[in-house]
Amino acid sequence: MNPRIAVVAAVAAFALSCLPVWAAAPKPAPPSAATALPSYESLDGNGDGVVTLPEVTVRAPELAKRIVHCDGDRDRRLSRKEYAACKPAPAHAG
């Protein structure tokens, strides 16, 4: 038997024997829209009582991408009311 064919056959057999293990492997859960947001105060980087999107971007960049839609009046500031009503968008939302 050709050695290359033997190697290919052995690799193929191994790969096929692993299929049930790969198929049963747990998949990571996608980020949940119900994930709780941190406190408003914890995002207020300069302590002025107002959370701006740039402050969120610096303190929690992954969160900024998820809550930019909460800035209803598009002033790049999140009022307490906007933040309290905010439901995080899925991480993959554009």
C-alpha atoms as a PDB file:
ATOM      1  CA  MET A   1       0.000   0.000   0.000  1.00  0.00           C
ATOM      2  CA  ASN A   2       1.218   3.493  -0.813  1.00  0.00           C
ATOM      3  CA  PRO A   3       2.401   5.226   2.417  1.00  0.00           C
ATOM      4  CA  ARG A   4       0.580   8.464   1.528  1.00  0.00           C
ATOM      5  CA  ILE A   5      -2.699   6.634   1.078  1.00  0.00           C
ATOM      6  CA  ALA A   6      -2.183   4.898   4.404  1.00  0.00           C
ATOM      7  CA  VAL A   7      -1.574   8.237   6.179  1.00  0.00           C
ATOM      8  CA  VAL A   8      -4.617   9.861   4.541  1.00  0.00           C
ATOM      9  CA  ALA A   9      -6.762   6.857   5.435  1.00  0.00           C
ATOM     10  CA  ALA A  10      -5.541   6.926   9.058  1.00  0.00           C
ATOM     11  CA  VAL A  11      -6.223  10.666   9.384  1.00  0.00           C
ATOM     12  CA  ALA A  12      -9.670  10.255   7.826  1.00  0.00           C
ATOM     13  CA  ALA A  13     -10.496   7.371  10.152  1.00  0.00           C
ATOM     14  CA  PHE A  14      -9.376   9.393  13.172  1.00  0.00           C
ATOM     15  CA  ALA A  15     -11.413  12.420  12.086  1.00  0.00           C
ATOM     16  CA  LEU A  16     -14.502  10.297  11.580  1.00  0.00           C
ATOM     17  CA  SER A  17     -14.076   8.694  14.992  1.00  0.00           C
ATOM     18  CA  CYS A  18     -14.019  12.168  16.576  1.00  0.00           C
ATOM     19  CA  LEU A  19     -17.241  13.391  14.960  1.00  0.00           C
ATOM     20  CA  PRO A  20     -19.520  12.297  17.812  1.00  0.00           C
ATOM     21  CA  VAL A  21     -17.269  14.111  20.312  1.00  0.00           C
ATOM     22  CA  TRP A  22     -17.187  17.322  18.244  1.00  0.00           C
ATOM     23  CA  ALA A  23     -20.942  17.235  17.711  1.00  0.00           C
ATOM     24  CA  ALA A  24     -21.613  16.776  21.428  1.00  0.00           C
ATOM     25  CA  ALA A  25     -19.258  19.544  22.546  1.00  0.00           C
ATOM     26  CA  PRO A  26     -21.152  22.353  24.290  1.00  0.00           C
ATOM     27  CA  LYS A  27     -21.478  25.532  22.288  1.00  0.00           C
ATOM     28  CA  PRO A  28     -20.847  28.842  24.086  1.00  0.00           C
ATOM     29  CA  ALA A  29     -24.080  30.663  24.791  1.00  0.00           C
ATOM     30  CA  PRO A  30     -24.547  33.898  22.866  1.00  0.00           C
ATOM     31  CA  PRO A  31     -24.629  37.057  24.956  1.00  0.00           C
ATOM     32  CA  SER A  32     -28.073  37.482  26.425  1.00  0.00           C
ATOM     33  CA  ALA A  33     -30.100  40.628  25.857  1.00  0.00           C
ATOM     34  CA  ALA A  34     -31.233  40.227  29.451  1.00  0.00           C
ATOM     35  CA  THR A  35     -27.687  40.602  30.826  1.00  0.00           C
ATOM     36  CA  ALA A  36     -27.767  43.154  33.628  1.00  0.00           C
ATOM     37  CA  LEU A  37     -26.058  46.467  33.032  1.00  0.00           C
ATOM     38  CA  PRO A  38     -23.575  47.866  35.556  1.00  0.00           C
ATOM     39  CA  SER A  39     -24.747  50.705  37.766  1.00  0.00           C
ATOM     40  CA  TYR A  40     -25.094  54.148  36.238  1.00  0.00           C
ATOM     41  CA  GLU A  41     -22.643  55.563  38.785  1.00  0.00           C
ATOM     42  CA  SER A  42     -19.967  52.981  37.956  1.00  0.00           C
ATOM     43  CA  LEU A  43     -19.882  54.240  34.363  1.00  0.00           C
ATOM     44  CA  ASP A  44     -19.637  57.924  35.300  1.00  0.00           C
ATOM     45  CA  GLY A  45     -15.878  58.218  34.864  1.00  0.00           C
ATOM     46  CA  ASN A  46     -15.499  61.839  35.978  1.00  0.00           C
ATOM     47  CA  GLY A  47     -18.166  61.734  38.698  1.00  0.00           C
ATOM     48  CA  ASP A  48     -20.213  64.602  37.280  1.00  0.00           C
ATOM     49  CA  GLY A  49     -23.490  62.675  37.500  1.00  0.00           C
ATOM     50  CA  VAL A  50     -23.817  62.278  33.727  1.00  0.00           C
ATOM     51  CA  VAL A  51     -22.795  59.193  31.767  1.00  0.00           C
ATOM     52  CA  THR A  52     -21.491  59.971  28.301  1.00  0.00           C
ATOM     53  CA  LEU A  53     -20.915  57.416  25.592  1.00  0.00           C
ATOM     54  CA  PRO A  54     -17.190  58.300  25.501  1.00  0.00           C
ATOM     55  CA  GLU A  55     -17.001  57.503  29.247  1.00  0.00           C
ATOM     56  CA  VAL A  56     -18.653  54.145  28.641  1.00  0.00           C
ATOM     57  CA  THR A  57     -16.319  53.478  25.714  1.00  0.00           C
ATOM     58  CA  VAL A  58     -13.283  54.051  27.941  1.00  0.00           C
ATOM     59  CA  ARG A  59     -14.587  52.114  30.966  1.00  0.00           C
ATOM     60  CA  ALA A  60     -16.387  49.277  29.157  1.00  0.00           C
ATOM     61  CA  PRO A  61     -15.863  49.280  25.362  1.00  0.00           C
ATOM     62  CA  GLU A  62     -17.802  46.034  24.861  1.00  0.00           C
ATOM     63  CA  LEU A  63     -20.748  47.569  26.708  1.00  0.00           C
ATOM     64  CA  ALA A  64     -20.640  50.794  24.684  1.00  0.00           C
ATOM     65  CA  LYS A  65     -21.260  48.838  21.490  1.00  0.00           C
ATOM     66  CA  ARG A  66     -24.297  47.227  23.114  1.00  0.00           C
ATOM     67  CA  ILE A  67     -25.952  50.350  24.577  1.00  0.00           C
ATOM     68  CA  VAL A  68     -25.351  53.041  21.981  1.00  0.00           C
ATOM     69  CA  HIS A  69     -28.962  52.455  20.866  1.00  0.00           C
ATOM     70  CA  CYS A  70     -30.187  53.594  24.311  1.00  0.00           C
ATOM     71  CA  ASP A  71     -29.209  57.206  23.604  1.00  0.00           C
ATOM     72  CA  GLY A  72     -32.690  58.106  22.378  1.00  0.00           C
ATOM     73  CA  ASP A  73     -31.994  61.779  21.679  1.00  0.00           C
ATOM     74  CA  ARG A  74     -28.560  61.042  20.151  1.00  0.00           C
ATOM     75  CA  ASP A  75     -26.737  63.598  22.321  1.00  0.00           C
ATOM     76  CA  ARG A  76     -24.012  61.043  23.235  1.00  0.00           C
ATOM     77  CA  ARG A  77     -25.147  61.271  26.868  1.00  0.00           C
ATOM     78  CA  LEU A  78     -27.263  58.744  28.715  1.00  0.00           C
ATOM     79  CA  SER A  79     -29.740  60.244  31.117  1.00  0.00           C
ATOM     80  CA  ARG A  80     -30.676  58.139  34.124  1.00  0.00           C
ATOM     81  CA  LYS A  81     -34.062  57.601  32.491  1.00  0.00           C
ATOM     82  CA  GLU A  82     -32.504  56.417  29.188  1.00  0.00           C
ATOM     83  CA  TYR A  83     -30.096  54.145  31.052  1.00  0.00           C
ATOM     84  CA  ALA A  84     -32.779  52.700  33.345  1.00  0.00           C
ATOM     85  CA  ALA A  85     -34.946  51.851  30.338  1.00  0.00           C
ATOM     86  CA  CYS A  86     -32.020  50.423  28.363  1.00  0.00           C
ATOM     87  CA  LYS A  87     -32.099  46.779  27.443  1.00  0.00           C
ATOM     88  CA  PRO A  88     -28.716  45.666  26.103  1.00  0.00           C
ATOM     89  CA  ALA A  89     -28.773  44.887  22.430  1.00  0.00           C
ATOM     90  CA  PRO A  90     -27.189  41.606  21.367  1.00  0.00           C
ATOM     91  CA  ALA A  91     -23.433  41.939  20.892  1.00  0.00           C
ATOM     92  CA  HIS A  92     -23.731  41.167  17.185  1.00  0.00           C
ATOM     93  CA  ALA A  93     -26.207  44.016  16.533  1.00  0.00           C
ATOM     94  CA  GLY A  94     -24.817  46.742  14.329  1.00  0.00           C
END
